[in-house]
Amino acid sequence: GGPVWIGTNTIAGHRFGLDLRGGAATAPVWISSNTILPLARDDSRGIYLQGLQGGATAQDNSVLWRDSGVFMAAFSEGIWLEGSPNAVVRRNRISWPAVGTAGSAGFVGVYVRSSPNSQVLANDVHVRSVGETNVYGLIATNASTGLRLRHNVFLTSATAQAGFGSSRPVDVEPDSPAGVNSDYNDYVS
């Protein structure tokens, strides 16, 4: 089949915004110009792209959490790529404005897992925490080698929990640093 395009939608009031999963023969997927307002609940996600071997592009989307005061035992993510090589995440706005409560697990703006040669370009990722244990602008892990980061703003602001937790604009795990190319990004913590 031909490419799949999902665009110009508003999705609000659910734990998950868009969840797309594919296999070896999947067609290219374009997710563009959507506004996603997930509920701040355990393991909530704005855009989840898994196993899209035919290519995946998420661009010009806004993923914004707006409810607050919710305890979360599991991480939430703005955009999660998993098993989607050569994916492109471009010109998205991701905002987590301190919606978790003290002791909550945390938040990752862009999570790249097992997705080699992916590109994260010109995104604004703003993560503010007043209680979450861990907050990150981006995490790359599980052999996400060849990652290209360009023209992004990763802003993390966290009030640390006593003795544990972390806040980083970008975290590239030891299994993923090969071929990482990072230029013209702003990292603020």
C-alpha atoms as a PDB file:
ATOM      1  CA  GLY A   1       0.000   0.000   0.000  1.00  0.00           C
ATOM      2  CA  GLY A   2       0.857   3.661  -0.165  1.00  0.00           C
ATOM      3  CA  PRO A   3       2.016   6.002   2.573  1.00  0.00           C
ATOM      4  CA  VAL A   4      -0.110   6.675   5.656  1.00  0.00           C
ATOM      5  CA  TRP A   5      -0.694  10.303   6.650  1.00  0.00           C
ATOM      6  CA  ILE A   6      -2.345  11.402   9.899  1.00  0.00           C
ATOM      7  CA  GLY A   7      -2.651  15.154  10.173  1.00  0.00           C
ATOM      8  CA  THR A   8      -4.466  18.221  11.456  1.00  0.00           C
ATOM      9  CA  ASN A   9      -6.235  16.455  14.326  1.00  0.00           C
ATOM     10  CA  THR A  10      -6.823  17.414  17.944  1.00  0.00           C
ATOM     11  CA  ILE A  11      -6.689  14.462  20.325  1.00  0.00           C
ATOM     12  CA  ALA A  12      -7.511  15.167  23.974  1.00  0.00           C
ATOM     13  CA  GLY A  13      -8.503  13.415  27.172  1.00  0.00           C
ATOM     14  CA  HIS A  14      -6.801  10.028  26.749  1.00  0.00           C
ATOM     15  CA  ARG A  15      -3.630   8.387  28.109  1.00  0.00           C
ATOM     16  CA  PHE A  16      -2.308   7.858  24.576  1.00  0.00           C
ATOM     17  CA  GLY A  17      -2.469  10.297  21.681  1.00  0.00           C
ATOM     18  CA  LEU A  18      -1.375   8.377  18.576  1.00  0.00           C
ATOM     19  CA  ASP A  19      -0.125   4.774  18.810  1.00  0.00           C
ATOM     20  CA  LEU A  20       1.134   3.269  15.530  1.00  0.00           C
ATOM     21  CA  ARG A  21       2.747  -0.144  15.279  1.00  0.00           C
ATOM     22  CA  GLY A  22       3.949  -1.929  12.177  1.00  0.00           C
ATOM     23  CA  GLY A  23       6.154  -4.685  10.828  1.00  0.00           C
ATOM     24  CA  ALA A  24       8.805  -5.343   8.224  1.00  0.00           C
ATOM     25  CA  ALA A  25       6.640  -4.389   5.249  1.00  0.00           C
ATOM     26  CA  THR A  26       4.942  -1.280   6.625  1.00  0.00           C
ATOM     27  CA  ALA A  27       4.373   1.727   4.383  1.00  0.00           C
ATOM     28  CA  PRO A  28       5.912   5.114   5.239  1.00  0.00           C
ATOM     29  CA  VAL A  29       4.003   6.936   7.999  1.00  0.00           C
ATOM     30  CA  TRP A  30       3.655  10.725   8.294  1.00  0.00           C
ATOM     31  CA  ILE A  31       2.207  12.269  11.454  1.00  0.00           C
ATOM     32  CA  SER A  32       1.912  15.997  10.936  1.00  0.00           C
ATOM     33  CA  SER A  33       0.273  19.119  12.394  1.00  0.00           C
ATOM     34  CA  ASN A  34      -1.635  17.393  15.210  1.00  0.00           C
ATOM     35  CA  THR A  35      -2.374  18.788  18.660  1.00  0.00           C
ATOM     36  CA  ILE A  36      -2.252  16.079  21.291  1.00  0.00           C
ATOM     37  CA  LEU A  37      -3.350  16.706  24.889  1.00  0.00           C
ATOM     38  CA  PRO A  38      -2.779  13.436  26.808  1.00  0.00           C
ATOM     39  CA  LEU A  39      -3.944  12.961  30.371  1.00  0.00           C
ATOM     40  CA  ALA A  40      -1.115  12.861  32.897  1.00  0.00           C
ATOM     41  CA  ARG A  41      -1.504   9.257  33.997  1.00  0.00           C
ATOM     42  CA  ASP A  42       0.868   6.309  34.383  1.00  0.00           C
ATOM     43  CA  ASP A  43       2.728   5.590  31.181  1.00  0.00           C
ATOM     44  CA  SER A  44       0.970   8.217  29.056  1.00  0.00           C
ATOM     45  CA  ARG A  45       2.350   9.020  25.610  1.00  0.00           C
ATOM     46  CA  GLY A  46       1.738  11.669  23.004  1.00  0.00           C
ATOM     47  CA  ILE A  47       3.004   9.810  19.919  1.00  0.00           C
ATOM     48  CA  TYR A  48       4.184   6.172  19.951  1.00  0.00           C
ATOM     49  CA  LEU A  49       5.818   4.747  16.828  1.00  0.00           C
ATOM     50  CA  GLN A  50       6.891   1.110  17.050  1.00  0.00           C
ATOM     51  CA  GLY A  51       8.290  -1.234  14.417  1.00  0.00           C
ATOM     52  CA  LEU A  52       7.710   1.094  11.470  1.00  0.00           C
ATOM     53  CA  GLN A  53      10.319  -0.332   9.106  1.00  0.00           C
ATOM     54  CA  GLY A  54       9.037   1.602   6.090  1.00  0.00           C
ATOM     55  CA  GLY A  55       9.912   4.958   7.666  1.00  0.00           C
ATOM     56  CA  ALA A  56       8.200   7.242  10.131  1.00  0.00           C
ATOM     57  CA  THR A  57       8.069  11.036  10.307  1.00  0.00           C
ATOM     58  CA  ALA A  58       6.510  13.032  13.143  1.00  0.00           C
ATOM     59  CA  GLN A  59       6.592  16.735  12.322  1.00  0.00           C
ATOM     60  CA  ASP A  60       4.919  20.001  13.307  1.00  0.00           C
ATOM     61  CA  ASN A  61       2.967  18.376  16.159  1.00  0.00           C
ATOM     62  CA  SER A  62       2.204  19.850  19.580  1.00  0.00           C
ATOM     63  CA  VAL A  63       2.202  17.342  22.455  1.00  0.00           C
ATOM     64  CA  LEU A  64       1.073  19.174  25.582  1.00  0.00           C
ATOM     65  CA  TRP A  65       0.123  17.960  29.055  1.00  0.00           C
ATOM     66  CA  ARG A  66      -2.225  20.282  30.928  1.00  0.00           C
ATOM     67  CA  ASP A  67      -3.821  18.436  33.869  1.00  0.00           C
ATOM     68  CA  SER A  68      -1.884  18.349  37.137  1.00  0.00           C
ATOM     69  CA  GLY A  69      -1.442  16.886  40.572  1.00  0.00           C
ATOM     70  CA  VAL A  70      -1.409  13.250  39.478  1.00  0.00           C
ATOM     71  CA  PHE A  71       0.903  10.627  41.010  1.00  0.00           C
ATOM     72  CA  MET A  72       2.445   8.447  38.333  1.00  0.00           C
ATOM     73  CA  ALA A  73       4.298   5.190  39.046  1.00  0.00           C
ATOM     74  CA  ALA A  74       5.566   4.860  35.443  1.00  0.00           C
ATOM     75  CA  PHE A  75       7.279   7.237  33.015  1.00  0.00           C
ATOM     76  CA  SER A  76       5.394   9.263  30.437  1.00  0.00           C
ATOM     77  CA  GLU A  77       6.827  10.237  27.064  1.00  0.00           C
ATOM     78  CA  GLY A  78       6.114  12.954  24.503  1.00  0.00           C
ATOM     79  CA  ILE A  79       7.299  11.040  21.419  1.00  0.00           C
ATOM     80  CA  TRP A  80       8.533   7.444  21.653  1.00  0.00           C
ATOM     81  CA  LEU A  81      10.332   5.743  18.751  1.00  0.00           C
ATOM     82  CA  GLU A  82      10.972   2.036  19.084  1.00  0.00           C
ATOM     83  CA  GLY A  83      12.295  -0.308  16.416  1.00  0.00           C
ATOM     84  CA  SER A  84      11.732   2.356  13.748  1.00  0.00           C
ATOM     85  CA  PRO A  85      15.025   2.910  11.896  1.00  0.00           C
ATOM     86  CA  ASN A  86      15.587   6.140   9.948  1.00  0.00           C
ATOM     87  CA  ALA A  87      12.702   7.863  11.729  1.00  0.00           C
ATOM     88  CA  VAL A  88      12.459  11.665  11.622  1.00  0.00           C
ATOM     89  CA  VAL A  89      11.165  13.786  14.521  1.00  0.00           C
ATOM     90  CA  ARG A  90      11.052  17.373  13.244  1.00  0.00           C
ATOM     91  CA  ARG A  91       9.649  20.739  14.402  1.00  0.00           C
ATOM     92  CA  ASN A  92       7.523  19.364  17.242  1.00  0.00           C
ATOM     93  CA  ARG A  93       6.638  21.156  20.453  1.00  0.00           C
ATOM     94  CA  ILE A  94       6.567  19.007  23.589  1.00  0.00           C
ATOM     95  CA  SER A  95       5.584  20.523  26.924  1.00  0.00           C
ATOM     96  CA  TRP A  96       5.421  18.883  30.368  1.00  0.00           C
ATOM     97  CA  PRO A  97       4.705  21.757  32.803  1.00  0.00           C
ATOM     98  CA  ALA A  98       5.167  20.040  36.166  1.00  0.00           C
ATOM     99  CA  VAL A  99       2.034  17.931  36.112  1.00  0.00           C
ATOM    100  CA  GLY A 100       3.276  15.039  38.272  1.00  0.00           C
ATOM    101  CA  THR A 101       3.305  14.998  42.052  1.00  0.00           C
ATOM    102  CA  ALA A 102       6.203  14.333  44.436  1.00  0.00           C
ATOM    103  CA  GLY A 103       7.635  10.864  43.973  1.00  0.00           C
ATOM    104  CA  SER A 104       6.231  10.340  40.466  1.00  0.00           C
ATOM    105  CA  ALA A 105       8.464   8.319  38.140  1.00  0.00           C
ATOM    106  CA  GLY A 106       9.180  10.982  35.548  1.00  0.00           C
ATOM    107  CA  PHE A 107       9.013  12.183  31.986  1.00  0.00           C
ATOM    108  CA  VAL A 108      10.992  11.941  28.742  1.00  0.00           C
ATOM    109  CA  GLY A 109      10.322  14.408  25.924  1.00  0.00           C
ATOM    110  CA  VAL A 110      11.701  12.243  23.076  1.00  0.00           C
ATOM    111  CA  TYR A 111      12.580   8.578  23.706  1.00  0.00           C
ATOM    112  CA  VAL A 112      14.591   6.842  20.972  1.00  0.00           C
ATOM    113  CA  ARG A 113      14.898   3.079  21.509  1.00  0.00           C
ATOM    114  CA  SER A 114      16.319   0.555  19.028  1.00  0.00           C
ATOM    115  CA  SER A 115      15.890   3.077  16.197  1.00  0.00           C
ATOM    116  CA  PRO A 116      19.232   3.497  14.416  1.00  0.00           C
ATOM    117  CA  ASN A 117      19.930   6.423  12.083  1.00  0.00           C
ATOM    118  CA  SER A 118      17.014   8.461  13.383  1.00  0.00           C
ATOM    119  CA  GLN A 119      16.945  12.249  13.178  1.00  0.00           C
ATOM    120  CA  VAL A 120      15.656  14.657  15.822  1.00  0.00           C
ATOM    121  CA  LEU A 121      15.556  18.102  14.210  1.00  0.00           C
ATOM    122  CA  ALA A 122      14.362  21.581  15.264  1.00  0.00           C
ATOM    123  CA  ASN A 123      12.141  20.481  18.172  1.00  0.00           C
ATOM    124  CA  ASP A 124      11.256  22.476  21.301  1.00  0.00           C
ATOM    125  CA  VAL A 125      11.150  20.200  24.350  1.00  0.00           C
ATOM    126  CA  HIS A 126      10.276  21.903  27.639  1.00  0.00           C
ATOM    127  CA  VAL A 127      10.142  19.766  30.788  1.00  0.00           C
ATOM    128  CA  ARG A 128       9.476  21.328  34.182  1.00  0.00           C
ATOM    129  CA  SER A 129       9.313  19.160  37.266  1.00  0.00           C
ATOM    130  CA  VAL A 130       8.407  19.853  40.859  1.00  0.00           C
ATOM    131  CA  GLY A 131       8.325  16.300  42.065  1.00  0.00           C
ATOM    132  CA  GLU A 132       8.995  13.717  39.389  1.00  0.00           C
ATOM    133  CA  THR A 133      12.011  11.534  40.172  1.00  0.00           C
ATOM    134  CA  ASN A 134      13.594  11.754  36.700  1.00  0.00           C
ATOM    135  CA  VAL A 135      13.039  14.159  33.804  1.00  0.00           C
ATOM    136  CA  TYR A 136      14.823  14.185  30.444  1.00  0.00           C
ATOM    137  CA  GLY A 137      14.501  16.121  27.220  1.00  0.00           C
ATOM    138  CA  LEU A 138      15.729  13.124  25.182  1.00  0.00           C
ATOM    139  CA  ILE A 139      16.958   9.589  25.905  1.00  0.00           C
ATOM    140  CA  ALA A 140      18.640   7.404  23.257  1.00  0.00           C
ATOM    141  CA  THR A 141      19.090   3.737  24.176  1.00  0.00           C
ATOM    142  CA  ASN A 142      19.218   0.119  22.937  1.00  0.00           C
ATOM    143  CA  ALA A 143      21.536   0.537  19.960  1.00  0.00           C
ATOM    144  CA  SER A 144      20.027   3.750  18.612  1.00  0.00           C
ATOM    145  CA  THR A 145      23.316   4.425  16.834  1.00  0.00           C
ATOM    146  CA  GLY A 146      23.759   7.054  14.133  1.00  0.00           C
ATOM    147  CA  LEU A 147      21.383   9.462  15.883  1.00  0.00           C
ATOM    148  CA  ARG A 148      21.381  12.971  14.431  1.00  0.00           C
ATOM    149  CA  LEU A 149      20.399  15.883  16.722  1.00  0.00           C
ATOM    150  CA  ARG A 150      20.173  19.325  15.079  1.00  0.00           C
ATOM    151  CA  HIS A 151      18.654  22.731  15.950  1.00  0.00           C
ATOM    152  CA  ASN A 152      16.712  21.497  19.009  1.00  0.00           C
ATOM    153  CA  VAL A 153      15.977  23.198  22.306  1.00  0.00           C
ATOM    154  CA  PHE A 154      15.978  20.784  25.267  1.00  0.00           C
ATOM    155  CA  LEU A 155      15.002  22.588  28.467  1.00  0.00           C
ATOM    156  CA  THR A 156      14.673  20.640  31.714  1.00  0.00           C
ATOM    157  CA  SER A 157      13.974  22.242  35.040  1.00  0.00           C
ATOM    158  CA  ALA A 158      13.607  19.986  38.062  1.00  0.00           C
ATOM    159  CA  THR A 159      13.328  20.289  41.807  1.00  0.00           C
ATOM    160  CA  ALA A 160      15.389  17.289  42.935  1.00  0.00           C
ATOM    161  CA  GLN A 161      14.011  14.665  45.245  1.00  0.00           C
ATOM    162  CA  ALA A 162      16.136  14.154  48.353  1.00  0.00           C
ATOM    163  CA  GLY A 163      19.046  11.890  47.404  1.00  0.00           C
ATOM    164  CA  PHE A 164      17.752  10.368  44.164  1.00  0.00           C
ATOM    165  CA  GLY A 165      16.558  11.133  40.681  1.00  0.00           C
ATOM    166  CA  SER A 166      18.064  13.104  37.841  1.00  0.00           C
ATOM    167  CA  SER A 167      17.304  15.807  35.324  1.00  0.00           C
ATOM    168  CA  ARG A 168      19.147  16.021  32.017  1.00  0.00           C
ATOM    169  CA  PRO A 169      18.412  17.758  28.762  1.00  0.00           C
ATOM    170  CA  VAL A 170      19.846  14.760  26.813  1.00  0.00           C
ATOM    171  CA  ASP A 171      20.924  11.270  27.912  1.00  0.00           C
ATOM    172  CA  VAL A 172      22.651   8.991  25.379  1.00  0.00           C
ATOM    173  CA  GLU A 173      23.022   5.564  26.988  1.00  0.00           C
ATOM    174  CA  PRO A 174      26.351   3.650  26.678  1.00  0.00           C
ATOM    175  CA  ASP A 175      24.865   1.251  24.102  1.00  0.00           C
ATOM    176  CA  SER A 176      23.983   4.061  21.657  1.00  0.00           C
ATOM    177  CA  PRO A 177      26.811   6.633  21.300  1.00  0.00           C
ATOM    178  CA  ALA A 178      28.322   5.319  18.041  1.00  0.00           C
ATOM    179  CA  GLY A 179      27.762   7.814  15.261  1.00  0.00           C
ATOM    180  CA  VAL A 180      25.776  10.361  17.316  1.00  0.00           C
ATOM    181  CA  ASN A 181      25.947  13.693  15.504  1.00  0.00           C
ATOM    182  CA  SER A 182      24.851  16.742  17.491  1.00  0.00           C
ATOM    183  CA  ASP A 183      25.088  20.330  16.202  1.00  0.00           C
ATOM    184  CA  TYR A 184      23.386  23.659  16.873  1.00  0.00           C
ATOM    185  CA  ASN A 185      21.295  22.478  19.816  1.00  0.00           C
ATOM    186  CA  ASP A 186      20.482  24.377  23.006  1.00  0.00           C
ATOM    187  CA  TYR A 187      20.693  22.335  26.193  1.00  0.00           C
ATOM    188  CA  VAL A 188      19.380  24.018  29.330  1.00  0.00           C
ATOM    189  CA  SER A 189      18.986  22.464  32.760  1.00  0.00           C
END
